[in-house]
Every structure is written in structure tokens, then in C-alpha cells.
């Protein structure tokens, strides 16, 4: 995915939007979105994936319960996708769909992740037995001001807040916080990861950097059982991977994602290793 603005600017500009005008998106923008969807066909670990831009307008001002993350008002456009089943499929899907979220942001539109959604609204989007449909996003022209109920919901989950650096990033083991100085050139990619969206703003990611090397090991810290069981924490890890890698690439930091066997010591209960960024 190519962007015409720095990724850090897009990450900072992105906000979850649940109230839309219901108006149509300009034809050229629709074309750019469709082309962006078509450009994403392979997951990080060889999975086949496909995304589709869908227009399904609801009656204007109708409140639509599409998922468990707040009512959507005037939704009209969606991106839905399917990915081949595999042990890292949800991470790959989150990684790719977040690239679409950033493209939506660049095009001046609002969007919102829905990890648990009403599949019947999209019964015309078929999936094969060897595919899963992990999540969708709503998108469209954002209304000028969020509804009162939306503002209350955002306050309740602390949507604008993020955990401190020393709660998320570690050196050698999960018990030793990582300093920004030790992170070195990866300080900004980690900061962009810290700003990533997550289901219920649970911020489930825990990252351990190897001492003396720029290898980073991504872990899930189970924050909410229902999200974990539904695979939403795995999608969140993929979103974090997207922010981290795109930001690293802009700084000229090359690496690859590998499922390895990091020596990060015993893991706390409810924490599991998922994937590593290994420098080239």
C-alpha cells in the first residue's frame, strides 16, 4: 500500500467514527478505495485474502446495531474481507485491513473497526469453507460532531487514552521495561504501535526487544475473555504489526515477520507469544 502522506501523520489523524452523514462518497475516491482493496491479495504468511468495498445504505438517521462496539448512525459503506484459514490468519487480516483504514484516513473519510458484527447484513458476501471473515470496517463521510451516546461510550472505554510506554514495551523479558534510549531508531515505530486501535481499547499487545539487538517479539496479554475467545486480540496484534512495520519502513528499517522461539523467559499467566520482527 502506498500513501501520499507520512504514515505517522495518518496514524495520529485516525479516529474511530460511528456517526456518518450518510452522503455519497465522490466517484474518484470510491475508485481509489476499490483499487486499494484489490492491491491486497496475500497475507503475511502466504494466506490468500480478498477485500471488497460494499455500499449498503440504511435509511438516513436509522440507528443500526452492526456489532458490539457502539451503534453506527447513517452507515453506508463497508469493507469486508475473507482470508484463508491458518494459525496466523487473524494477525494477517488485521495487518492488511489496518492498511485500508489508513488509506481511508488519507482520503479524508472516517472509519470504524467491527470485530464482532452481524453477518446477516452481508449475506451476499460469500466465503468458502477454508476461509474466515474476521472483521469489517464501516467508512464514510464523518459527521461533524459525535452523538452524546457515542461520546459517553468513548469516555467509558478511554478511547483517547493509551497505556504508558513502560506497560507495553520491555527489554529482554516481560519484567524489564524498555527505555526509549534503548529502543533507539525503533522508538518512533513503537510509539506508532502504541497509538493503534484495539477492541474495546484493551491494548493487548506486549512487545519484548532482545537486549543488544533490534529483534522485537509480539505477545498477547489477555485483557478480556470474550475478545480473546473471538480472536479479536489476534486481530489487534495484526493492527499493531501494521503500525510498527509501516513506520519502521519509512525510517529505512528493514525486517521480516517470523514465528520464532524467542528466549524471553517465563511468561505471565494469560500471556502468549505470537510473532517476531527480525531485522535484515
C-alpha atoms as a PDB file:
ATOM      1  CA  UNK A   1       0.000   0.000   0.000  1.00  0.00           C
ATOM      2  CA  UNK A   2       1.343   3.418  -0.964  1.00  0.00           C
ATOM      3  CA  UNK A   3       0.451   6.615   0.831  1.00  0.00           C
ATOM      4  CA  UNK A   4       0.899  10.237  -0.170  1.00  0.00           C
ATOM      5  CA  UNK A   5       1.393  11.385   3.427  1.00  0.00           C
ATOM      6  CA  UNK A   6       3.751  10.186   6.177  1.00  0.00           C
ATOM      7  CA  UNK A   7       2.309   7.158   7.951  1.00  0.00           C
ATOM      8  CA  UNK A   8       2.850   8.807  11.346  1.00  0.00           C
ATOM      9  CA  UNK A   9       0.561  11.659  10.267  1.00  0.00           C
ATOM     10  CA  UNK A  10      -2.153   9.202   9.217  1.00  0.00           C
ATOM     11  CA  UNK A  11      -1.862   7.218  12.452  1.00  0.00           C
ATOM     12  CA  UNK A  12      -2.232  10.372  14.528  1.00  0.00           C
ATOM     13  CA  UNK A  13      -5.152  11.593  12.395  1.00  0.00           C
ATOM     14  CA  UNK A  14      -7.146   8.344  12.514  1.00  0.00           C
ATOM     15  CA  UNK A  15     -10.191   8.258  14.809  1.00  0.00           C
ATOM     16  CA  UNK A  16     -12.938   5.664  15.142  1.00  0.00           C
ATOM     17  CA  UNK A  17     -16.067   7.119  13.547  1.00  0.00           C
ATOM     18  CA  UNK A  18     -19.550   5.863  14.373  1.00  0.00           C
ATOM     19  CA  UNK A  19     -21.639   8.791  13.143  1.00  0.00           C
ATOM     20  CA  UNK A  20     -21.696   9.475   9.409  1.00  0.00           C
ATOM     21  CA  UNK A  21     -23.557  11.970   7.237  1.00  0.00           C
ATOM     22  CA  UNK A  22     -24.965   9.157   5.113  1.00  0.00           C
ATOM     23  CA  UNK A  23     -23.923  11.064   1.997  1.00  0.00           C
ATOM     24  CA  UNK A  24     -22.276   9.526  -1.083  1.00  0.00           C
ATOM     25  CA  UNK A  25     -18.519   9.279  -1.484  1.00  0.00           C
ATOM     26  CA  UNK A  26     -17.125  11.019  -4.559  1.00  0.00           C
ATOM     27  CA  UNK A  27     -16.537   8.741  -7.554  1.00  0.00           C
ATOM     28  CA  UNK A  28     -12.766   9.236  -7.700  1.00  0.00           C
ATOM     29  CA  UNK A  29     -12.438   8.395  -4.008  1.00  0.00           C
ATOM     30  CA  UNK A  30     -14.539   5.251  -4.470  1.00  0.00           C
ATOM     31  CA  UNK A  31     -12.240   4.235  -7.308  1.00  0.00           C
ATOM     32  CA  UNK A  32      -9.156   4.786  -5.141  1.00  0.00           C
ATOM     33  CA  UNK A  33     -10.686   2.670  -2.352  1.00  0.00           C
ATOM     34  CA  UNK A  34     -11.568  -0.157  -4.739  1.00  0.00           C
ATOM     35  CA  UNK A  35      -8.042  -0.126  -6.169  1.00  0.00           C
ATOM     36  CA  UNK A  36      -6.573  -0.231  -2.670  1.00  0.00           C
ATOM     37  CA  UNK A  37      -8.758  -3.238  -1.799  1.00  0.00           C
ATOM     38  CA  UNK A  38      -7.643  -5.028  -4.955  1.00  0.00           C
ATOM     39  CA  UNK A  39      -3.972  -4.419  -4.131  1.00  0.00           C
ATOM     40  CA  UNK A  40      -4.148  -6.607  -1.007  1.00  0.00           C
ATOM     41  CA  UNK A  41      -4.310 -10.253  -2.022  1.00  0.00           C
ATOM     42  CA  UNK A  42      -1.739 -12.064   0.145  1.00  0.00           C
ATOM     43  CA  UNK A  43      -1.367 -12.361   3.897  1.00  0.00           C
ATOM     44  CA  UNK A  44       1.921 -12.222   5.783  1.00  0.00           C
ATOM     45  CA  UNK A  45       2.201 -15.987   5.971  1.00  0.00           C
ATOM     46  CA  UNK A  46       1.011 -16.971   2.490  1.00  0.00           C
ATOM     47  CA  UNK A  47      -2.735 -16.792   3.132  1.00  0.00           C
ATOM     48  CA  UNK A  48      -4.956 -15.790   0.240  1.00  0.00           C
ATOM     49  CA  UNK A  49      -7.087 -12.786   1.103  1.00  0.00           C
ATOM     50  CA  UNK A  50      -9.673 -10.644  -0.659  1.00  0.00           C
ATOM     51  CA  UNK A  51     -11.326  -7.404   0.336  1.00  0.00           C
ATOM     52  CA  UNK A  52     -14.442  -5.813  -1.095  1.00  0.00           C
ATOM     53  CA  UNK A  53     -15.802  -2.282  -0.859  1.00  0.00           C
ATOM     54  CA  UNK A  54     -19.555  -2.537  -0.299  1.00  0.00           C
ATOM     55  CA  UNK A  55     -22.251   0.141  -0.444  1.00  0.00           C
ATOM     56  CA  UNK A  56     -25.281  -0.829   1.649  1.00  0.00           C
ATOM     57  CA  UNK A  57     -27.102   2.362   2.631  1.00  0.00           C
ATOM     58  CA  UNK A  58     -29.516   2.301   5.551  1.00  0.00           C
ATOM     59  CA  UNK A  59     -32.327   4.763   5.969  1.00  0.00           C
ATOM     60  CA  UNK A  60     -30.817   8.099   6.971  1.00  0.00           C
ATOM     61  CA  UNK A  61     -30.790   8.628  10.743  1.00  0.00           C
ATOM     62  CA  UNK A  62     -31.525   4.938  11.378  1.00  0.00           C
ATOM     63  CA  UNK A  63     -29.546   3.521  14.299  1.00  0.00           C
ATOM     64  CA  UNK A  64     -28.066   0.227  13.174  1.00  0.00           C
ATOM     65  CA  UNK A  65     -26.696  -2.398  15.540  1.00  0.00           C
ATOM     66  CA  UNK A  66     -23.944  -3.857  13.398  1.00  0.00           C
ATOM     67  CA  UNK A  67     -21.708  -5.003  16.247  1.00  0.00           C
ATOM     68  CA  UNK A  68     -20.850  -4.757  19.912  1.00  0.00           C
ATOM     69  CA  UNK A  69     -18.690  -1.639  19.659  1.00  0.00           C
ATOM     70  CA  UNK A  70     -21.323   1.078  19.633  1.00  0.00           C
ATOM     71  CA  UNK A  71     -24.304   1.806  17.392  1.00  0.00           C
ATOM     72  CA  UNK A  72     -23.496   3.139  13.957  1.00  0.00           C
ATOM     73  CA  UNK A  73     -25.518   6.094  12.658  1.00  0.00           C
ATOM     74  CA  UNK A  74     -26.064   6.520   8.910  1.00  0.00           C
ATOM     75  CA  UNK A  75     -23.601   3.796   7.834  1.00  0.00           C
ATOM     76  CA  UNK A  76     -23.435   3.458   4.071  1.00  0.00           C
ATOM     77  CA  UNK A  77     -20.074   1.977   3.075  1.00  0.00           C
ATOM     78  CA  UNK A  78     -18.154  -1.033   4.363  1.00  0.00           C
ATOM     79  CA  UNK A  79     -15.035  -3.013   3.625  1.00  0.00           C
ATOM     80  CA  UNK A  80     -15.427  -6.729   4.224  1.00  0.00           C
ATOM     81  CA  UNK A  81     -12.906  -9.452   3.511  1.00  0.00           C
ATOM     82  CA  UNK A  82     -12.100 -13.130   3.745  1.00  0.00           C
ATOM     83  CA  UNK A  83      -8.782 -14.841   4.406  1.00  0.00           C
ATOM     84  CA  UNK A  84      -7.651 -18.442   4.155  1.00  0.00           C
ATOM     85  CA  UNK A  85      -7.630 -20.307   7.444  1.00  0.00           C
ATOM     86  CA  UNK A  86      -4.302 -20.635   9.238  1.00  0.00           C
ATOM     87  CA  UNK A  87      -2.610 -20.199  12.582  1.00  0.00           C
ATOM     88  CA  UNK A  88      -1.762 -16.536  11.898  1.00  0.00           C
ATOM     89  CA  UNK A  89      -4.728 -15.658   9.686  1.00  0.00           C
ATOM     90  CA  UNK A  90      -6.295 -13.149  12.068  1.00  0.00           C
ATOM     91  CA  UNK A  91      -2.991 -11.350  12.569  1.00  0.00           C
ATOM     92  CA  UNK A  92      -2.507 -11.166   8.789  1.00  0.00           C
ATOM     93  CA  UNK A  93      -6.045  -9.885   8.332  1.00  0.00           C
ATOM     94  CA  UNK A  94      -5.644  -7.179  10.974  1.00  0.00           C
ATOM     95  CA  UNK A  95      -2.320  -6.145   9.416  1.00  0.00           C
ATOM     96  CA  UNK A  96      -3.888  -5.765   5.960  1.00  0.00           C
ATOM     97  CA  UNK A  97      -7.216  -4.220   6.960  1.00  0.00           C
ATOM     98  CA  UNK A  98      -5.445  -1.551   9.037  1.00  0.00           C
ATOM     99  CA  UNK A  99      -3.604  -0.548   5.874  1.00  0.00           C
ATOM    100  CA  UNK A 100      -7.052   0.086   4.404  1.00  0.00           C
ATOM    101  CA  UNK A 101      -8.041   2.088   7.491  1.00  0.00           C
ATOM    102  CA  UNK A 102      -5.026   4.345   6.972  1.00  0.00           C
ATOM    103  CA  UNK A 103      -5.871   4.720   3.276  1.00  0.00           C
ATOM    104  CA  UNK A 104      -9.437   5.690   4.253  1.00  0.00           C
ATOM    105  CA  UNK A 105      -7.943   8.275   6.620  1.00  0.00           C
ATOM    106  CA  UNK A 106      -5.677   9.649   3.892  1.00  0.00           C
ATOM    107  CA  UNK A 107      -8.717  10.082   1.645  1.00  0.00           C
ATOM    108  CA  UNK A 108     -10.398  12.248   4.273  1.00  0.00           C
ATOM    109  CA  UNK A 109     -13.021   9.734   5.405  1.00  0.00           C
ATOM    110  CA  UNK A 110     -13.914   8.241   8.775  1.00  0.00           C
ATOM    111  CA  UNK A 111     -13.890   4.549   9.646  1.00  0.00           C
ATOM    112  CA  UNK A 112     -14.515   2.132  12.499  1.00  0.00           C
ATOM    113  CA  UNK A 113     -13.399  -1.444  13.123  1.00  0.00           C
ATOM    114  CA  UNK A 114     -16.101  -4.023  13.910  1.00  0.00           C
ATOM    115  CA  UNK A 115     -14.655  -7.329  15.093  1.00  0.00           C
ATOM    116  CA  UNK A 116     -17.980  -8.786  16.197  1.00  0.00           C
ATOM    117  CA  UNK A 117     -20.633  -7.902  13.649  1.00  0.00           C
ATOM    118  CA  UNK A 118     -23.982  -9.039  12.316  1.00  0.00           C
ATOM    119  CA  UNK A 119     -23.076 -11.332   9.447  1.00  0.00           C
ATOM    120  CA  UNK A 120     -26.633 -11.348   8.061  1.00  0.00           C
ATOM    121  CA  UNK A 121     -26.182  -7.804   6.786  1.00  0.00           C
ATOM    122  CA  UNK A 122     -23.506  -9.173   4.464  1.00  0.00           C
ATOM    123  CA  UNK A 123     -25.087 -12.471   3.434  1.00  0.00           C
ATOM    124  CA  UNK A 124     -24.369 -11.575  -0.193  1.00  0.00           C
ATOM    125  CA  UNK A 125     -20.630 -11.753   0.574  1.00  0.00           C
ATOM    126  CA  UNK A 126     -19.894 -15.462   0.386  1.00  0.00           C
ATOM    127  CA  UNK A 127     -16.937 -17.226   1.985  1.00  0.00           C
ATOM    128  CA  UNK A 128     -15.548 -20.683   1.333  1.00  0.00           C
ATOM    129  CA  UNK A 129     -15.194 -23.445   3.919  1.00  0.00           C
ATOM    130  CA  UNK A 130     -11.455 -22.796   4.096  1.00  0.00           C
ATOM    131  CA  UNK A 131     -11.906 -19.052   4.717  1.00  0.00           C
ATOM    132  CA  UNK A 132     -12.829 -16.883   7.683  1.00  0.00           C
ATOM    133  CA  UNK A 133     -14.303 -13.366   7.772  1.00  0.00           C
ATOM    134  CA  UNK A 134     -12.654 -11.967  10.907  1.00  0.00           C
ATOM    135  CA  UNK A 135     -13.832  -8.336  10.897  1.00  0.00           C
ATOM    136  CA  UNK A 136     -15.210  -5.472   8.840  1.00  0.00           C
ATOM    137  CA  UNK A 137     -14.861  -1.709   8.848  1.00  0.00           C
ATOM    138  CA  UNK A 138     -17.538   0.904   8.342  1.00  0.00           C
ATOM    139  CA  UNK A 139     -16.450   4.004   6.461  1.00  0.00           C
ATOM    140  CA  UNK A 140     -17.875   7.162   5.051  1.00  0.00           C
ATOM    141  CA  UNK A 141     -18.119  10.911   5.466  1.00  0.00           C
ATOM    142  CA  UNK A 142     -17.807  11.622   9.168  1.00  0.00           C
ATOM    143  CA  UNK A 143     -20.461  13.808  10.769  1.00  0.00           C
ATOM    144  CA  UNK A 144     -19.170  16.992  12.326  1.00  0.00           C
ATOM    145  CA  UNK A 145     -19.786  16.027  15.942  1.00  0.00           C
ATOM    146  CA  UNK A 146     -20.171  12.605  17.615  1.00  0.00           C
ATOM    147  CA  UNK A 147     -23.526  11.856  19.250  1.00  0.00           C
ATOM    148  CA  UNK A 148     -23.873  12.206  23.023  1.00  0.00           C
ATOM    149  CA  UNK A 149     -24.148   8.426  23.450  1.00  0.00           C
ATOM    150  CA  UNK A 150     -21.016   7.904  21.386  1.00  0.00           C
ATOM    151  CA  UNK A 151     -19.110  10.425  23.496  1.00  0.00           C
ATOM    152  CA  UNK A 152     -20.215   8.600  26.655  1.00  0.00           C
ATOM    153  CA  UNK A 153     -19.132   5.248  25.172  1.00  0.00           C
ATOM    154  CA  UNK A 154     -15.746   6.639  24.156  1.00  0.00           C
ATOM    155  CA  UNK A 155     -15.274   8.038  27.650  1.00  0.00           C
ATOM    156  CA  UNK A 156     -16.208   4.686  29.187  1.00  0.00           C
ATOM    157  CA  UNK A 157     -13.527   2.764  27.287  1.00  0.00           C
ATOM    158  CA  UNK A 158     -10.973   5.584  27.427  1.00  0.00           C
ATOM    159  CA  UNK A 159     -10.887   5.706  23.624  1.00  0.00           C
ATOM    160  CA  UNK A 160      -8.457   8.617  23.543  1.00  0.00           C
ATOM    161  CA  UNK A 161      -6.075   7.214  26.152  1.00  0.00           C
ATOM    162  CA  UNK A 162      -3.189   4.813  25.732  1.00  0.00           C
ATOM    163  CA  UNK A 163      -1.119   2.840  28.220  1.00  0.00           C
ATOM    164  CA  UNK A 164       2.243   4.200  29.242  1.00  0.00           C
ATOM    165  CA  UNK A 165       5.329   3.109  27.321  1.00  0.00           C
ATOM    166  CA  UNK A 166       6.652   1.043  30.263  1.00  0.00           C
ATOM    167  CA  UNK A 167       3.425  -1.001  30.397  1.00  0.00           C
ATOM    168  CA  UNK A 168       3.768  -2.161  26.795  1.00  0.00           C
ATOM    169  CA  UNK A 169       7.434  -2.403  25.817  1.00  0.00           C
ATOM    170  CA  UNK A 170      10.113  -4.477  27.520  1.00  0.00           C
ATOM    171  CA  UNK A 171      13.792  -5.362  27.304  1.00  0.00           C
ATOM    172  CA  UNK A 172      14.886  -8.991  27.415  1.00  0.00           C
ATOM    173  CA  UNK A 173      11.933 -10.195  29.483  1.00  0.00           C
ATOM    174  CA  UNK A 174       8.409  -9.000  30.208  1.00  0.00           C
ATOM    175  CA  UNK A 175       9.520  -7.859  33.654  1.00  0.00           C
ATOM    176  CA  UNK A 176      12.034  -5.249  32.479  1.00  0.00           C
ATOM    177  CA  UNK A 177      10.634  -2.035  30.902  1.00  0.00           C
ATOM    178  CA  UNK A 178      12.284  -0.822  27.699  1.00  0.00           C
ATOM    179  CA  UNK A 179      13.614   2.732  27.665  1.00  0.00           C
ATOM    180  CA  UNK A 180      13.215   4.954  24.633  1.00  0.00           C
ATOM    181  CA  UNK A 181      17.006   5.273  24.548  1.00  0.00           C
ATOM    182  CA  UNK A 182      17.444   1.503  24.286  1.00  0.00           C
ATOM    183  CA  UNK A 183      14.756   1.334  21.590  1.00  0.00           C
ATOM    184  CA  UNK A 184      16.950   3.671  19.531  1.00  0.00           C
ATOM    185  CA  UNK A 185      15.712   4.119  15.942  1.00  0.00           C
ATOM    186  CA  UNK A 186      12.694   1.952  16.742  1.00  0.00           C
ATOM    187  CA  UNK A 187      11.390   4.436  19.288  1.00  0.00           C
ATOM    188  CA  UNK A 188       9.023   6.043  16.772  1.00  0.00           C
ATOM    189  CA  UNK A 189       7.682   2.751  15.303  1.00  0.00           C
ATOM    190  CA  UNK A 190       6.921   1.623  18.856  1.00  0.00           C
ATOM    191  CA  UNK A 191       5.183   4.921  19.582  1.00  0.00           C
ATOM    192  CA  UNK A 192       3.065   4.491  16.438  1.00  0.00           C
ATOM    193  CA  UNK A 193       2.223   0.973  17.636  1.00  0.00           C
ATOM    194  CA  UNK A 194       1.176   2.427  20.997  1.00  0.00           C
ATOM    195  CA  UNK A 195      -1.377   4.626  19.206  1.00  0.00           C
ATOM    196  CA  UNK A 196      -3.004   1.698  17.376  1.00  0.00           C
ATOM    197  CA  UNK A 197      -6.718   0.981  17.858  1.00  0.00           C
ATOM    198  CA  UNK A 198      -7.809  -2.219  19.591  1.00  0.00           C
ATOM    199  CA  UNK A 199     -11.062  -3.948  20.532  1.00  0.00           C
ATOM    200  CA  UNK A 200     -12.555  -2.041  23.449  1.00  0.00           C
ATOM    201  CA  UNK A 201      -9.246  -0.136  23.637  1.00  0.00           C
ATOM    202  CA  UNK A 202      -7.851  -3.113  25.569  1.00  0.00           C
ATOM    203  CA  UNK A 203      -4.328  -2.626  24.145  1.00  0.00           C
ATOM    204  CA  UNK A 204      -3.465  -6.301  24.454  1.00  0.00           C
ATOM    205  CA  UNK A 205       0.000  -6.109  22.906  1.00  0.00           C
ATOM    206  CA  UNK A 206       3.206  -6.625  24.887  1.00  0.00           C
ATOM    207  CA  UNK A 207       6.493  -6.271  22.999  1.00  0.00           C
ATOM    208  CA  UNK A 208       9.865  -7.607  24.151  1.00  0.00           C
ATOM    209  CA  UNK A 209      13.048  -6.357  22.493  1.00  0.00           C
ATOM    210  CA  UNK A 210      16.157  -8.522  22.515  1.00  0.00           C
ATOM    211  CA  UNK A 211      18.956  -6.990  24.528  1.00  0.00           C
ATOM    212  CA  UNK A 212      21.628  -5.708  22.171  1.00  0.00           C
ATOM    213  CA  UNK A 213      19.650  -6.474  19.003  1.00  0.00           C
ATOM    214  CA  UNK A 214      16.748  -4.951  17.099  1.00  0.00           C
ATOM    215  CA  UNK A 215      14.520  -8.038  17.278  1.00  0.00           C
ATOM    216  CA  UNK A 216      11.038  -7.450  18.700  1.00  0.00           C
ATOM    217  CA  UNK A 217       8.756 -10.214  19.962  1.00  0.00           C
ATOM    218  CA  UNK A 218       4.996  -9.576  19.962  1.00  0.00           C
ATOM    219  CA  UNK A 219       2.834 -11.123  22.680  1.00  0.00           C
ATOM    220  CA  UNK A 220      -0.860 -11.136  23.531  1.00  0.00           C
ATOM    221  CA  UNK A 221      -1.792 -10.224  27.075  1.00  0.00           C
ATOM    222  CA  UNK A 222      -5.363 -11.452  27.539  1.00  0.00           C
ATOM    223  CA  UNK A 223      -7.386  -8.421  28.622  1.00  0.00           C
ATOM    224  CA  UNK A 224     -10.974  -9.576  28.077  1.00  0.00           C
ATOM    225  CA  UNK A 225     -12.007 -13.232  27.797  1.00  0.00           C
ATOM    226  CA  UNK A 226     -14.774 -12.666  25.235  1.00  0.00           C
ATOM    227  CA  UNK A 227     -12.430 -10.706  22.955  1.00  0.00           C
ATOM    228  CA  UNK A 228      -9.701 -13.305  23.334  1.00  0.00           C
ATOM    229  CA  UNK A 229     -12.083 -16.190  22.597  1.00  0.00           C
ATOM    230  CA  UNK A 230     -13.417 -14.409  19.491  1.00  0.00           C
ATOM    231  CA  UNK A 231      -9.873 -13.879  18.173  1.00  0.00           C
ATOM    232  CA  UNK A 232     -10.063 -10.089  18.455  1.00  0.00           C
ATOM    233  CA  UNK A 233      -6.784  -9.885  20.373  1.00  0.00           C
ATOM    234  CA  UNK A 234      -5.127 -11.637  17.419  1.00  0.00           C
ATOM    235  CA  UNK A 235      -6.563  -9.046  15.031  1.00  0.00           C
ATOM    236  CA  UNK A 236      -5.284  -6.342  17.389  1.00  0.00           C
ATOM    237  CA  UNK A 237      -1.773  -7.792  17.167  1.00  0.00           C
ATOM    238  CA  UNK A 238      -2.042  -7.551  13.370  1.00  0.00           C
ATOM    239  CA  UNK A 239      -3.065  -3.891  13.632  1.00  0.00           C
ATOM    240  CA  UNK A 240      -0.064  -3.248  15.889  1.00  0.00           C
ATOM    241  CA  UNK A 241       2.211  -5.042  13.406  1.00  0.00           C
ATOM    242  CA  UNK A 242       0.928  -2.785  10.628  1.00  0.00           C
ATOM    243  CA  UNK A 243       1.678   0.436  12.527  1.00  0.00           C
ATOM    244  CA  UNK A 244       5.095  -0.843  13.589  1.00  0.00           C
ATOM    245  CA  UNK A 245       6.224  -2.074  10.164  1.00  0.00           C
ATOM    246  CA  UNK A 246       4.960   0.859   8.095  1.00  0.00           C
ATOM    247  CA  UNK A 247       6.604   3.295  10.498  1.00  0.00           C
ATOM    248  CA  UNK A 248       9.852   1.301  10.523  1.00  0.00           C
ATOM    249  CA  UNK A 249       9.966   1.191   6.734  1.00  0.00           C
ATOM    250  CA  UNK A 250       9.585   4.957   6.492  1.00  0.00           C
ATOM    251  CA  UNK A 251      12.687   5.246   8.678  1.00  0.00           C
ATOM    252  CA  UNK A 252      14.609   2.818   6.460  1.00  0.00           C
ATOM    253  CA  UNK A 253      14.470  -0.031   8.998  1.00  0.00           C
ATOM    254  CA  UNK A 254      14.097  -3.343   7.183  1.00  0.00           C
ATOM    255  CA  UNK A 255      12.918  -6.562   8.749  1.00  0.00           C
ATOM    256  CA  UNK A 256      10.682  -9.598   8.385  1.00  0.00           C
ATOM    257  CA  UNK A 257       7.920 -11.234  10.413  1.00  0.00           C
ATOM    258  CA  UNK A 258       8.759 -14.725  11.668  1.00  0.00           C
ATOM    259  CA  UNK A 259       7.186 -17.093  14.148  1.00  0.00           C
ATOM    260  CA  UNK A 260      10.283 -17.915  16.197  1.00  0.00           C
ATOM    261  CA  UNK A 261      11.169 -19.264  19.617  1.00  0.00           C
ATOM    262  CA  UNK A 262      12.359 -16.172  21.494  1.00  0.00           C
ATOM    263  CA  UNK A 263      14.263 -16.531  24.748  1.00  0.00           C
ATOM    264  CA  UNK A 264      12.227 -14.048  26.746  1.00  0.00           C
ATOM    265  CA  UNK A 265      11.894 -16.064  29.949  1.00  0.00           C
ATOM    266  CA  UNK A 266       8.765 -17.396  31.605  1.00  0.00           C
ATOM    267  CA  UNK A 267       5.581 -15.667  30.508  1.00  0.00           C
ATOM    268  CA  UNK A 268       2.991 -14.367  32.983  1.00  0.00           C
ATOM    269  CA  UNK A 269      -0.328 -16.176  33.125  1.00  0.00           C
ATOM    270  CA  UNK A 270      -2.617 -15.028  30.309  1.00  0.00           C
ATOM    271  CA  UNK A 271       0.273 -14.000  28.061  1.00  0.00           C
ATOM    272  CA  UNK A 272       1.235 -15.802  24.869  1.00  0.00           C
ATOM    273  CA  UNK A 273       3.847 -15.251  22.189  1.00  0.00           C
ATOM    274  CA  UNK A 274       2.627 -14.661  18.625  1.00  0.00           C
ATOM    275  CA  UNK A 275       5.285 -13.343  16.216  1.00  0.00           C
ATOM    276  CA  UNK A 276       8.660 -11.604  15.930  1.00  0.00           C
ATOM    277  CA  UNK A 277      10.122  -8.765  13.876  1.00  0.00           C
ATOM    278  CA  UNK A 278      13.647  -9.801  12.909  1.00  0.00           C
ATOM    279  CA  UNK A 279      15.968  -7.228  11.318  1.00  0.00           C
ATOM    280  CA  UNK A 280      17.576  -7.926   7.958  1.00  0.00           C
END
